[in-house]
Amino acid sequence: MLTPDFPFPYDEYLHHPSGLGSIPEAAHGTEVAVIGAGLAGLVAALELMKMGLRPVIYESGTIGGRLRGATLPGTDGPVADMGGMRFPVSSRAFWHYADLAGVDSAPFPNPLDAASPSTVVELGREQFYASASDKLPPFFQEVADAWEHSLEERAEYAAMQQAIAERDYAAIKRIWAGLVPALDDTSFSNYLASSKAFSDLPYQYREAFGQIGFGSGGWDVSFPNAILEILRVVYMECENNQRRILGGARGITDGLWNHAPENMVRWPQGTSLASLHGGTPHGAVTSIRRAAGAADPTVTITDAEGSRDYAAVIVTCHKWLLSTEIDTEESLFSPEQWMAMRRVHYLQSSKTFVVVDRPFWLDTDPKTGRRVMSTTLTDRVTRGTYLFDNGPDQQALICLSYTWNDDALKWLPLTAQQRADVMLRTLGEIYPDVDIRSHIVGEPLTVSWEDEPGFAGAFKINLPGHYRYQRRLYTQFMEHTQGRQAQGIYLAGDDVSWTAGWAEGAVTTALNTAWAVMDQLGGSSAPENPGPGDRFAELAPVPLPEASALPTSFTIPA
């Protein structure tokens, strides 16, 4: 995921033998607060610990954040991934930490993917079946071709992909510098509608594209979002070649929490984040303030146990919480940063799983010779249904429905059982000869991320015109070096990143803030392995014009 906004090679940075940098010995043991024990918080804390600092992690819920797994009560599996569940191979910084955590992975069974034995696409009650040997009708290939042609029309798709593959930073910056001002105010829907590729075709082509999308499923729920967000996804192949974590994605954050790095500075062999915290992070933060009477940049963090002062703080929680659940001093951020944080657009998302006795969908229907059930894309309320096989005669998982935005809000008022009942009734209309209920073990497992304590939704995805806000958030880790932001507090997390909804963004923004803390405390990167801050001037995101100040007066029309 060499993002065109800031094409810093995080994978090369992480694998360089010189490491990420060092701090003066006098700073060793300095406490740094990390708010949030999701992937971003744990990556930042791990790298700070390796430098000889003492990270102090605060978490209002459980370790893992949105890499959350659920199992039937009293069992240890199979694990339903309630948050992040599919991870592109192109997420190389993410996979660096997945490898450290010691997890295993397998291809994710996306629609029409080789990891799915078969796929059913249902539109307008008409069904289309596809497997490795049976392809969808030509109409669907025409839809896919129109999408690819629309990308070439205005987005230099092939040229950008080549530049990313070759790590041609100058070409990446040149292409993107032209696209950002041209497309910032353009929605995904408008981009399609105004493209020659789709405008020359009947509306049904756009409608079908919205239902089946590309890669992992339908994309009409993202039609109101900024086309720049979608271009990043396709440039960096986020929707292709995805993998799932065997045993659940929570294995990554659990693994990082317990990981004992080798050759750490200051800390003895065997030290882990878990051992530094006595096995449990601190609780929910209630207040973040500049320390009274202390020299800048000391920050005071308050939780149920009391208040502690820190030389630096990394904030990885959803940024809306700084205006709602956490009493945060306004002076810690500029008015422009507050505006950006309060304008983050979070995507609603809902999942409902059931555990089944075995992967019965692999059975063959004697009448048709096809699988009795398939990965399913439909225009009905379930939208996407995914099947997870854990081996012959082993308990398996069905994600009855995975939805976003308005489709997710339809489930919000319903209990887990009510959701499952509607979903099973809907799937029964698609597969009338399959008794799914007879295979279900236990109660359904469900989540609506917009209704979860400590979260504002599933992930950030920008609306048209939000590029400036995203740039302010992403570049905040550098603003103290430019005199625009007080030192001592830094933002990380996937809502700060350019890669909406992908764990890679949590990792890379955590690395940005680890660099910023190192820099603040007098440390530096190895000359042969410059960090993101060292190359910021070269690779910085494209700036768009902004008014220097609000108007001094307003005239109300008569």
Protein backbone atom coordinates (compact mmCIF):
# COMPACT_ATOMS: atom_id res chain seq x y z
CA MET A 1 0.00 0.00 0.00
CA LEU A 2 2.39 2.66 -1.24
CA THR A 3 -0.22 5.40 -0.89
CA PRO A 4 0.01 8.14 -3.53
CA ASP A 5 -0.56 10.83 -0.89
CA PHE A 6 2.61 10.00 1.06
CA PRO A 7 4.50 7.24 -0.76
CA PHE A 8 6.90 6.44 2.02
CA PRO A 9 8.22 2.83 1.79
CA TYR A 10 7.28 1.62 5.28
CA ASP A 11 8.17 -1.98 4.42
CA GLU A 12 11.76 -1.03 3.58
CA TYR A 13 11.93 1.14 6.70
CA LEU A 14 10.77 -1.75 8.91
CA HIS A 15 13.11 -4.34 7.43
CA HIS A 16 16.26 -2.23 7.39
CA PRO A 17 18.99 -3.75 9.60
CA SER A 18 19.72 -0.36 11.19
CA GLY A 19 16.29 -0.25 12.84
CA LEU A 20 13.86 2.63 13.15
CA GLY A 21 16.07 4.95 15.18
CA SER A 22 17.37 5.67 18.66
CA ILE A 23 17.06 8.20 21.47
CA PRO A 24 19.71 9.61 23.83
CA GLU A 25 20.49 7.45 26.85
CA ALA A 26 19.30 10.23 29.16
CA ALA A 27 15.78 9.78 27.77
CA HIS A 28 15.65 6.03 28.32
CA GLY A 29 12.76 5.00 30.53
CA THR A 30 10.75 8.14 29.73
CA GLU A 31 7.05 7.38 30.01
CA VAL A 32 4.89 7.92 26.92
CA ALA A 33 1.11 7.48 27.13
CA VAL A 34 -0.61 5.53 24.36
CA ILE A 35 -4.40 5.86 24.27
CA GLY A 36 -5.95 2.77 22.72
CA ALA A 37 -4.78 -0.85 22.62
CA GLY A 38 -5.86 -1.56 19.08
CA LEU A 39 -3.38 -2.26 16.30
CA ALA A 40 -2.13 1.33 16.05
CA GLY A 41 -1.60 1.66 19.80
CA LEU A 42 0.23 -1.64 20.12
CA VAL A 43 2.51 -0.97 17.14
CA ALA A 44 3.43 2.48 18.48
CA ALA A 45 3.96 1.14 22.00
CA LEU A 46 6.08 -1.78 20.77
CA GLU A 47 8.39 0.46 18.76
CA LEU A 48 8.75 2.95 21.64
CA MET A 49 9.60 0.10 24.01
CA LYS A 50 12.27 -1.18 21.61
CA MET A 51 13.90 2.29 21.69
CA GLY A 52 14.14 2.16 25.49
CA LEU A 53 11.08 4.24 26.33
CA ARG A 54 8.32 3.09 28.66
CA PRO A 55 4.93 3.10 26.92
CA VAL A 56 1.89 3.30 29.22
CA ILE A 57 -1.20 1.99 27.43
CA TYR A 58 -4.78 3.04 28.22
CA GLU A 59 -7.75 1.05 26.90
CA SER A 60 -11.47 1.55 27.58
CA GLY A 61 -12.46 -1.88 26.28
CA THR A 62 -10.41 -4.94 25.40
CA ILE A 63 -7.06 -5.33 23.71
CA GLY A 64 -7.46 -5.54 19.96
CA GLY A 65 -9.79 -2.66 19.16
CA ARG A 66 -11.61 -3.47 15.95
CA LEU A 67 -9.56 -6.63 15.47
CA ARG A 68 -12.16 -8.22 17.69
CA GLY A 69 -13.14 -11.86 17.66
CA ALA A 70 -16.25 -13.50 19.06
CA THR A 71 -17.01 -17.12 19.91
CA LEU A 72 -20.01 -18.90 21.29
CA PRO A 73 -20.09 -18.59 25.10
CA GLY A 74 -17.98 -21.22 26.78
CA THR A 75 -16.11 -22.19 23.62
CA ASP A 76 -12.79 -21.23 22.05
CA GLY A 77 -13.90 -21.40 18.44
CA PRO A 78 -14.54 -21.02 15.66
CA VAL A 79 -13.72 -17.30 15.93
CA ALA A 80 -15.92 -14.78 14.10
CA ASP A 81 -14.01 -11.64 13.12
CA MET A 82 -16.40 -8.86 14.11
CA GLY A 83 -14.11 -6.11 12.79
CA GLY A 84 -11.16 -6.41 10.43
CA MET A 85 -11.21 -9.78 8.69
CA ARG A 86 -9.55 -9.46 5.27
CA PHE A 87 -6.06 -8.14 4.75
CA PRO A 88 -4.51 -7.47 1.32
CA VAL A 89 -1.10 -8.92 0.55
CA SER A 90 -0.12 -5.37 -0.49
CA SER A 91 -0.36 -4.35 3.19
CA ARG A 92 3.32 -5.08 3.73
CA ALA A 93 3.75 -3.05 6.92
CA PHE A 94 0.74 -4.82 8.42
CA TRP A 95 2.13 -8.23 7.50
CA HIS A 96 5.45 -7.35 9.14
CA TYR A 97 3.62 -7.15 12.48
CA ALA A 98 1.38 -10.12 11.70
CA ASP A 99 4.56 -12.15 11.26
CA LEU A 100 5.93 -10.84 14.58
CA ALA A 101 2.67 -11.94 16.22
CA GLY A 102 3.18 -15.45 14.82
CA VAL A 103 -0.23 -15.85 13.17
CA ASP A 104 -1.10 -18.06 10.21
CA SER A 105 -3.27 -16.94 7.32
CA ALA A 106 -5.21 -18.30 4.36
CA PRO A 107 -6.85 -16.79 1.25
CA PHE A 108 -10.04 -14.90 2.09
CA PRO A 109 -13.15 -16.41 0.44
CA ASN A 110 -14.33 -13.32 -1.42
CA PRO A 111 -17.05 -13.51 -4.08
CA LEU A 112 -15.81 -14.93 -7.39
CA ASP A 113 -12.43 -15.64 -5.81
CA ALA A 114 -10.58 -18.94 -6.08
CA ALA A 115 -10.90 -19.33 -2.30
CA SER A 116 -14.69 -19.47 -2.68
CA PRO A 117 -15.82 -22.80 -4.15
CA SER A 118 -18.76 -21.02 -5.78
CA THR A 119 -20.54 -17.67 -5.88
CA VAL A 120 -24.16 -16.72 -6.43
CA VAL A 121 -24.99 -13.22 -7.64
CA GLU A 122 -28.69 -12.37 -7.37
CA LEU A 123 -30.08 -9.21 -8.95
CA GLY A 124 -33.77 -8.51 -9.31
CA ARG A 125 -34.53 -12.09 -8.21
CA GLU A 126 -32.50 -13.44 -11.12
CA GLN A 127 -29.65 -15.68 -10.01
CA PHE A 128 -26.25 -16.24 -11.59
CA TYR A 129 -23.96 -19.03 -10.43
CA ALA A 130 -20.20 -19.09 -10.90
CA SER A 131 -17.41 -21.48 -9.95
CA ALA A 132 -13.93 -22.18 -11.23
CA SER A 133 -15.44 -23.80 -14.32
CA ASP A 134 -18.68 -21.79 -14.64
CA LYS A 135 -18.31 -18.10 -15.30
CA LEU A 136 -20.86 -15.30 -15.00
CA PRO A 137 -22.66 -14.17 -18.18
CA PRO A 138 -20.89 -11.69 -20.52
CA PHE A 139 -22.94 -8.79 -19.11
CA PHE A 140 -20.90 -8.88 -15.90
CA GLN A 141 -17.62 -8.80 -17.82
CA GLU A 142 -18.94 -5.76 -19.69
CA VAL A 143 -19.61 -4.08 -16.34
CA ALA A 144 -16.07 -4.88 -15.17
CA ASP A 145 -14.63 -3.56 -18.44
CA ALA A 146 -16.59 -0.31 -18.09
CA TRP A 147 -15.15 0.15 -14.60
CA GLU A 148 -11.59 -0.36 -15.84
CA HIS A 149 -12.15 2.00 -18.77
CA SER A 150 -13.54 4.67 -16.45
CA LEU A 151 -10.36 4.46 -14.38
CA GLU A 152 -8.17 5.05 -17.42
CA GLU A 153 -10.27 7.99 -18.65
CA ARG A 154 -9.37 10.42 -15.87
CA ALA A 155 -7.34 8.60 -13.24
CA GLU A 156 -4.25 7.32 -15.14
CA TYR A 157 -4.86 3.91 -13.62
CA ALA A 158 -2.21 1.91 -15.46
CA ALA A 159 0.43 4.61 -15.12
CA MET A 160 -0.15 4.94 -11.38
CA GLN A 161 -0.06 1.19 -10.81
CA GLN A 162 3.21 0.98 -12.74
CA ALA A 163 4.68 3.88 -10.73
CA ILE A 164 3.70 2.19 -7.46
CA ALA A 165 5.11 -1.16 -8.56
CA GLU A 166 8.40 0.47 -9.58
CA ARG A 167 8.46 2.79 -6.53
CA ASP A 168 8.83 5.73 -8.88
CA TYR A 169 8.10 8.41 -6.29
CA ALA A 170 8.37 11.31 -8.72
CA ALA A 171 5.80 9.74 -11.06
CA ILE A 172 3.45 8.91 -8.18
CA LYS A 173 3.61 12.49 -6.93
CA ARG A 174 3.17 13.96 -10.41
CA ILE A 175 0.07 11.91 -11.23
CA TRP A 176 -1.56 12.41 -7.84
CA ALA A 177 -0.78 16.16 -7.75
CA GLY A 178 -2.94 16.52 -10.84
CA LEU A 179 -5.78 14.31 -9.65
CA VAL A 180 -6.31 15.69 -6.14
CA PRO A 181 -7.42 19.22 -7.12
CA ALA A 182 -9.40 17.90 -10.07
CA LEU A 183 -11.33 15.23 -8.16
CA ASP A 184 -11.45 16.28 -4.49
CA ASP A 185 -15.07 17.44 -4.75
CA THR A 186 -16.19 14.48 -6.85
CA SER A 187 -18.18 11.59 -5.38
CA PHE A 188 -17.79 8.00 -6.50
CA SER A 189 -21.29 8.11 -7.99
CA ASN A 190 -20.62 11.30 -9.94
CA TYR A 191 -17.34 9.94 -11.23
CA LEU A 192 -19.11 6.91 -12.67
CA ALA A 193 -22.07 8.85 -14.05
CA SER A 194 -19.85 11.40 -15.77
CA SER A 195 -17.45 8.86 -17.24
CA LYS A 196 -17.73 8.07 -20.92
CA ALA A 197 -17.41 4.36 -20.14
CA PHE A 198 -20.63 4.26 -18.13
CA SER A 199 -22.57 7.16 -19.67
CA ASP A 200 -22.52 5.31 -23.01
CA LEU A 201 -24.21 2.33 -21.33
CA PRO A 202 -27.72 1.87 -19.87
CA TYR A 203 -28.15 2.73 -16.19
CA GLN A 204 -28.41 -0.97 -15.35
CA TYR A 205 -24.65 -1.28 -15.81
CA ARG A 206 -23.97 1.21 -13.02
CA GLU A 207 -26.64 -0.43 -10.91
CA ALA A 208 -25.07 -3.86 -11.37
CA PHE A 209 -21.63 -2.45 -10.62
CA GLY A 210 -23.02 -1.08 -7.37
CA GLN A 211 -24.29 -4.55 -6.46
CA ILE A 212 -21.30 -6.69 -7.40
CA GLY A 213 -18.53 -4.07 -7.35
CA PHE A 214 -14.98 -5.25 -7.70
CA GLY A 215 -12.89 -7.52 -5.53
CA SER A 216 -14.77 -8.10 -2.30
CA GLY A 217 -18.31 -7.17 -3.25
CA GLY A 218 -20.82 -4.41 -3.95
CA TRP A 219 -19.81 -0.77 -3.72
CA ASP A 220 -22.99 1.25 -4.09
CA VAL A 221 -22.86 1.97 -0.34
CA SER A 222 -19.72 3.99 -1.12
CA PHE A 223 -21.23 5.91 -4.01
CA PRO A 224 -21.64 9.07 -1.83
CA ASN A 225 -17.99 8.95 -0.76
CA ALA A 226 -15.03 10.69 -2.37
CA ILE A 227 -13.68 9.11 -5.53
CA LEU A 228 -10.15 9.80 -4.22
CA GLU A 229 -10.79 7.20 -1.52
CA ILE A 230 -11.78 4.63 -4.13
CA LEU A 231 -8.81 5.40 -6.36
CA ARG A 232 -6.42 4.71 -3.49
CA VAL A 233 -8.04 1.32 -2.99
CA VAL A 234 -7.70 0.22 -6.60
CA TYR A 235 -4.24 1.73 -7.18
CA MET A 236 -2.83 -0.19 -4.22
CA GLU A 237 -4.74 -3.43 -4.97
CA CYS A 238 -6.48 -3.42 -1.62
CA GLU A 239 -9.44 -5.33 -3.06
CA ASN A 240 -7.37 -8.14 -4.57
CA ASN A 241 -5.41 -11.04 -3.11
CA GLN A 242 -6.75 -10.71 0.42
CA ARG A 243 -6.06 -13.12 3.28
CA ARG A 244 -7.73 -13.95 6.59
CA ILE A 245 -6.06 -14.73 9.90
CA LEU A 246 -6.61 -18.32 11.00
CA GLY A 247 -7.98 -18.38 14.53
CA GLY A 248 -9.16 -14.77 14.21
CA ALA A 249 -7.50 -11.40 13.58
CA ARG A 250 -7.37 -10.77 17.33
CA GLY A 251 -4.38 -13.15 17.27
CA ILE A 252 -2.30 -10.31 15.84
CA THR A 253 -2.94 -7.85 18.66
CA ASP A 254 -2.71 -10.59 21.30
CA GLY A 255 0.58 -11.62 19.75
CA LEU A 256 1.99 -8.08 19.75
CA TRP A 257 0.87 -7.56 23.36
CA ASN A 258 2.86 -10.62 24.40
CA HIS A 259 5.75 -10.30 21.94
CA ALA A 260 9.21 -10.01 23.54
CA PRO A 261 11.52 -8.36 20.96
CA GLU A 262 15.18 -9.29 20.79
CA ASN A 263 18.04 -6.79 21.28
CA MET A 264 15.92 -4.08 22.92
CA VAL A 265 17.50 -0.99 24.40
CA ARG A 266 17.35 -0.77 28.22
CA TRP A 267 14.78 -3.53 28.77
CA PRO A 268 15.91 -7.06 29.72
CA GLN A 269 15.40 -10.05 27.45
CA GLY A 270 11.83 -11.33 27.68
CA THR A 271 10.20 -7.92 28.30
CA SER A 272 6.86 -7.46 26.53
CA LEU A 273 4.11 -4.87 26.58
CA ALA A 274 2.11 -7.30 28.71
CA SER A 275 4.89 -7.64 31.28
CA LEU A 276 5.39 -3.86 31.46
CA HIS A 277 1.70 -3.51 32.35
CA GLY A 278 1.36 -6.43 34.71
CA GLY A 279 -0.82 -8.16 32.14
CA THR A 280 -3.49 -5.43 31.95
CA PRO A 281 -3.46 -1.94 30.39
CA HIS A 282 -4.75 1.08 32.28
CA GLY A 283 -8.45 1.85 31.93
CA ALA A 284 -10.47 4.43 30.01
CA VAL A 285 -9.02 7.92 29.74
CA THR A 286 -11.40 10.58 31.03
CA SER A 287 -9.30 13.71 30.53
CA ILE A 288 -6.34 14.97 28.49
CA ARG A 289 -4.89 18.33 29.51
CA ARG A 290 -1.70 20.33 29.41
CA ALA A 291 0.02 19.79 32.75
CA ALA A 292 -0.66 22.72 35.10
CA GLY A 293 2.43 24.82 35.70
CA ALA A 294 4.66 22.45 33.78
CA ALA A 295 6.89 23.40 30.92
CA ASP A 296 5.59 22.46 27.48
CA PRO A 297 5.10 19.72 26.30
CA THR A 298 4.05 17.80 29.44
CA VAL A 299 0.54 16.33 29.13
CA THR A 300 -1.66 15.10 31.98
CA ILE A 301 -3.75 11.96 31.43
CA THR A 302 -6.55 11.12 33.86
CA ASP A 303 -8.33 7.81 34.28
CA ALA A 304 -10.22 6.16 37.13
CA GLU A 305 -6.95 5.59 39.00
CA GLY A 306 -5.95 9.26 38.96
CA SER A 307 -3.74 11.59 36.92
CA ARG A 308 -0.24 11.11 35.54
CA ASP A 309 2.05 13.42 33.57
CA TYR A 310 3.77 12.35 30.37
CA ALA A 311 6.43 13.80 28.13
CA ALA A 312 4.40 12.69 25.12
CA VAL A 313 1.01 11.14 24.30
CA ILE A 314 -0.10 9.15 21.24
CA VAL A 315 -3.87 9.15 20.65
CA THR A 316 -5.11 6.22 18.56
CA CYS A 317 -8.81 6.10 19.52
CA HIS A 318 -11.51 7.39 17.16
CA LYS A 319 -11.01 11.15 17.07
CA TRP A 320 -14.67 12.00 17.69
CA LEU A 321 -14.11 10.71 21.23
CA LEU A 322 -11.86 13.69 21.97
CA SER A 323 -14.96 15.86 21.67
CA THR A 324 -17.40 13.50 23.39
CA GLU A 325 -16.17 10.81 25.78
CA ILE A 326 -12.79 12.35 26.72
CA ASP A 327 -12.54 15.83 28.24
CA THR A 328 -9.78 17.17 26.00
CA GLU A 329 -8.27 20.62 26.42
CA GLU A 330 -8.91 22.69 23.31
CA SER A 331 -5.45 24.28 23.33
CA LEU A 332 -3.80 20.89 22.70
CA PHE A 333 -4.80 21.13 19.05
CA SER A 334 -5.19 24.00 16.63
CA PRO A 335 -8.69 25.10 15.58
CA GLU A 336 -7.96 23.65 12.13
CA GLN A 337 -7.12 20.26 13.65
CA TRP A 338 -10.29 20.29 15.76
CA MET A 339 -12.30 21.07 12.64
CA ALA A 340 -10.72 18.13 10.84
CA MET A 341 -11.28 15.72 13.75
CA ARG A 342 -14.92 16.71 14.12
CA ARG A 343 -15.52 16.31 10.37
CA VAL A 344 -14.22 12.75 10.12
CA HIS A 345 -16.83 10.67 8.31
CA TYR A 346 -17.13 7.22 9.87
CA LEU A 347 -18.77 4.38 7.99
CA GLN A 348 -21.47 2.37 9.75
CA SER A 349 -21.01 -1.38 9.55
CA SER A 350 -22.90 -4.46 10.74
CA LYS A 351 -22.06 -8.17 10.75
CA THR A 352 -24.01 -11.19 11.91
CA PHE A 353 -22.47 -14.66 12.15
CA VAL A 354 -23.77 -18.10 13.00
CA VAL A 355 -21.73 -21.17 13.89
CA VAL A 356 -22.73 -24.29 11.96
CA ASP A 357 -21.94 -27.95 12.57
CA ARG A 358 -19.91 -28.40 9.38
CA PRO A 359 -19.28 -26.71 5.98
CA PHE A 360 -22.46 -28.17 4.50
CA TRP A 361 -22.36 -25.71 1.59
CA LEU A 362 -19.74 -27.97 0.01
CA ASP A 363 -22.41 -30.62 -0.50
CA THR A 364 -23.50 -31.16 -4.09
CA ASP A 365 -27.12 -30.71 -5.13
CA PRO A 366 -27.99 -33.95 -7.00
CA LYS A 367 -30.47 -32.09 -9.22
CA THR A 368 -28.14 -29.32 -10.42
CA GLY A 369 -24.66 -30.68 -9.74
CA ARG A 370 -23.83 -27.38 -8.03
CA ARG A 371 -22.90 -26.54 -4.46
CA VAL A 372 -26.02 -26.33 -2.31
CA MET A 373 -25.00 -22.87 -1.06
CA SER A 374 -22.43 -20.29 -2.16
CA THR A 375 -20.82 -17.03 -1.23
CA THR A 376 -23.70 -14.71 -2.04
CA LEU A 377 -24.09 -11.16 -3.33
CA THR A 378 -27.67 -9.95 -3.52
CA ASP A 379 -29.74 -6.78 -3.70
CA ARG A 380 -31.79 -8.11 -0.76
CA VAL A 381 -31.13 -6.82 2.76
CA THR A 382 -28.38 -9.35 3.50
CA ARG A 383 -26.23 -7.93 0.67
CA GLY A 384 -23.12 -10.06 1.27
CA THR A 385 -22.98 -13.59 2.78
CA TYR A 386 -19.59 -15.23 3.38
CA LEU A 387 -18.69 -18.85 4.19
CA PHE A 388 -15.72 -19.89 6.34
CA ASP A 389 -14.58 -23.49 6.17
CA ASN A 390 -12.35 -24.80 8.98
CA GLY A 391 -11.95 -28.31 7.59
CA PRO A 392 -14.13 -31.36 6.89
CA ASP A 393 -16.63 -32.15 9.65
CA GLN A 394 -15.33 -29.20 11.72
CA GLN A 395 -17.61 -26.46 12.99
CA ALA A 396 -17.69 -23.62 10.49
CA LEU A 397 -18.95 -20.04 10.24
CA ILE A 398 -21.46 -18.25 8.06
CA CYS A 399 -21.39 -14.48 8.00
CA LEU A 400 -25.09 -14.18 7.21
CA SER A 401 -24.78 -10.51 6.36
CA TYR A 402 -21.98 -7.95 6.12
CA THR A 403 -23.29 -4.47 5.39
CA TRP A 404 -22.24 -0.81 5.48
CA ASN A 405 -23.84 2.64 5.67
CA ASP A 406 -27.63 2.66 5.16
CA ASP A 407 -27.66 -1.12 4.75
CA ALA A 408 -26.06 -1.45 8.19
CA LEU A 409 -28.50 0.96 9.80
CA LYS A 410 -31.40 -1.27 8.79
CA TRP A 411 -30.20 -3.82 11.35
CA LEU A 412 -29.48 -1.39 14.18
CA PRO A 413 -32.85 -1.61 16.01
CA LEU A 414 -32.96 -5.42 15.90
CA THR A 415 -31.62 -7.91 18.44
CA ALA A 416 -29.09 -10.53 17.36
CA GLN A 417 -31.81 -13.17 17.05
CA GLN A 418 -34.14 -10.86 15.13
CA ARG A 419 -31.35 -10.04 12.72
CA ALA A 420 -30.55 -13.71 12.17
CA ASP A 421 -34.23 -14.57 11.66
CA VAL A 422 -34.62 -11.97 8.91
CA MET A 423 -31.35 -13.00 7.29
CA LEU A 424 -32.18 -16.69 7.34
CA ARG A 425 -35.61 -15.98 5.89
CA THR A 426 -33.98 -13.96 3.12
CA LEU A 427 -31.36 -16.61 2.38
CA GLY A 428 -34.16 -19.19 2.40
CA GLU A 429 -35.70 -17.37 -0.55
CA ILE A 430 -32.41 -17.63 -2.43
CA TYR A 431 -31.77 -21.25 -1.39
CA PRO A 432 -35.28 -22.70 -0.87
CA ASP A 433 -34.07 -26.32 -0.70
CA VAL A 434 -31.41 -25.74 1.98
CA ASP A 435 -32.30 -26.00 5.67
CA ILE A 436 -29.63 -23.67 7.05
CA ARG A 437 -31.24 -23.56 10.51
CA SER A 438 -30.77 -27.30 11.02
CA HIS A 439 -27.00 -26.80 10.94
CA ILE A 440 -26.79 -23.82 13.34
CA VAL A 441 -25.09 -24.30 16.70
CA GLY A 442 -25.87 -21.81 19.49
CA GLU A 443 -26.97 -18.19 19.28
CA PRO A 444 -26.02 -15.68 16.54
CA LEU A 445 -23.07 -13.33 17.00
CA THR A 446 -23.52 -9.75 15.84
CA VAL A 447 -22.05 -6.24 15.96
CA SER A 448 -23.02 -2.75 14.81
CA TRP A 449 -19.89 -0.66 15.10
CA GLU A 450 -21.71 2.68 15.20
CA ASP A 451 -23.41 1.46 18.40
CA GLU A 452 -20.31 0.08 20.15
CA PRO A 453 -18.97 1.96 23.22
CA GLY A 454 -15.63 3.57 22.45
CA PHE A 455 -16.17 3.66 18.69
CA ALA A 456 -17.79 6.01 16.19
CA GLY A 457 -18.28 3.46 13.42
CA ALA A 458 -16.31 0.82 11.57
CA PHE A 459 -13.78 3.09 9.88
CA LYS A 460 -13.20 6.47 8.31
CA ILE A 461 -13.98 7.14 4.67
CA ASN A 462 -13.93 10.66 3.31
CA LEU A 463 -16.79 12.52 1.70
CA PRO A 464 -16.18 14.78 -1.31
CA GLY A 465 -14.29 17.91 -0.29
CA HIS A 466 -12.66 16.29 2.76
CA TYR A 467 -9.13 16.04 1.39
CA ARG A 468 -7.99 19.12 3.30
CA TYR A 469 -9.30 17.66 6.56
CA GLN A 470 -7.54 14.37 5.94
CA ARG A 471 -4.29 16.13 5.14
CA ARG A 472 -4.45 18.07 8.40
CA LEU A 473 -4.95 14.86 10.37
CA TYR A 474 -2.27 12.88 8.58
CA THR A 475 0.39 15.59 8.75
CA GLN A 476 -0.29 16.42 12.42
CA PHE A 477 2.68 14.29 13.49
CA MET A 478 4.95 16.82 11.68
CA GLU A 479 3.31 20.07 12.71
CA HIS A 480 5.36 20.53 15.87
CA THR A 481 8.53 20.61 13.75
CA GLN A 482 7.01 23.41 11.68
CA GLY A 483 5.83 25.48 14.64
CA ARG A 484 2.12 24.96 13.91
CA GLN A 485 1.37 22.50 16.71
CA ALA A 486 2.62 22.23 20.29
CA GLN A 487 4.80 19.24 21.00
CA GLY A 488 3.76 16.35 23.15
CA ILE A 489 0.56 14.95 21.59
CA TYR A 490 0.28 13.02 18.34
CA LEU A 491 -2.55 11.40 16.37
CA ALA A 492 -2.51 7.88 14.95
CA GLY A 493 -5.06 5.31 13.83
CA ASP A 494 -6.71 4.31 10.59
CA ASP A 495 -8.98 7.39 10.76
CA VAL A 496 -5.82 9.53 10.49
CA SER A 497 -4.51 7.52 7.54
CA TRP A 498 -5.21 7.77 3.83
CA THR A 499 -6.15 4.09 3.60
CA ALA A 500 -9.74 4.04 4.80
CA GLY A 501 -10.74 0.84 6.52
CA TRP A 502 -7.46 -1.03 6.13
CA ALA A 503 -5.28 -2.11 9.04
CA GLU A 504 -2.24 -0.91 7.10
CA GLY A 505 -3.25 2.68 7.89
CA ALA A 506 -3.27 1.95 11.62
CA VAL A 507 0.27 0.55 11.35
CA THR A 508 1.77 3.32 9.24
CA THR A 509 0.32 6.21 11.26
CA ALA A 510 1.58 4.49 14.44
CA LEU A 511 5.07 4.45 12.90
CA ASN A 512 4.73 8.16 12.09
CA THR A 513 3.99 8.98 15.71
CA ALA A 514 6.78 6.74 17.01
CA TRP A 515 9.14 8.77 14.79
CA ALA A 516 7.65 12.02 16.14
CA VAL A 517 8.15 10.98 19.79
CA MET A 518 11.73 9.91 19.00
CA ASP A 519 12.36 13.27 17.36
CA GLN A 520 10.80 15.19 20.26
CA LEU A 521 13.03 13.43 22.79
CA GLY A 522 16.19 14.23 20.88
CA GLY A 523 16.52 10.99 18.95
CA SER A 524 17.07 10.37 15.28
CA SER A 525 16.83 7.80 12.52
CA ALA A 526 19.92 6.05 11.22
CA PRO A 527 21.24 8.07 8.25
CA GLU A 528 20.97 5.02 6.02
CA ASN A 529 17.33 4.41 7.05
CA PRO A 530 15.49 7.75 7.12
CA GLY A 531 12.07 7.73 8.75
CA PRO A 532 8.78 9.24 7.58
CA GLY A 533 9.55 12.58 9.17
CA ASP A 534 13.00 12.70 7.60
CA ARG A 535 11.53 12.31 4.12
CA PHE A 536 8.41 14.37 4.76
CA ALA A 537 9.45 17.41 2.68
CA GLU A 538 10.17 15.14 -0.30
CA LEU A 539 6.97 13.05 -0.09
CA ALA A 540 4.47 15.35 1.68
CA PRO A 541 0.81 15.17 0.62
CA VAL A 542 -0.35 17.66 -1.99
CA PRO A 543 -1.58 20.91 -0.35
CA LEU A 544 -4.81 22.45 -1.58
CA PRO A 545 -5.43 26.20 -1.20
CA GLU A 546 -7.04 27.25 2.08
CA ALA A 547 -8.33 30.64 3.21
CA SER A 548 -5.90 32.21 5.67
CA ALA A 549 -8.66 33.32 8.06
CA LEU A 550 -12.41 33.52 8.48
CA PRO A 551 -14.10 36.67 7.19
CA THR A 552 -14.09 39.46 9.76
CA SER A 553 -17.73 40.33 9.12
CA PHE A 554 -20.81 38.86 7.59
CA THR A 555 -23.58 40.69 5.72
CA ILE A 556 -27.08 39.31 6.13
CA PRO A 557 -29.15 39.91 3.00
CA ALA A 558 -32.29 42.00 3.46
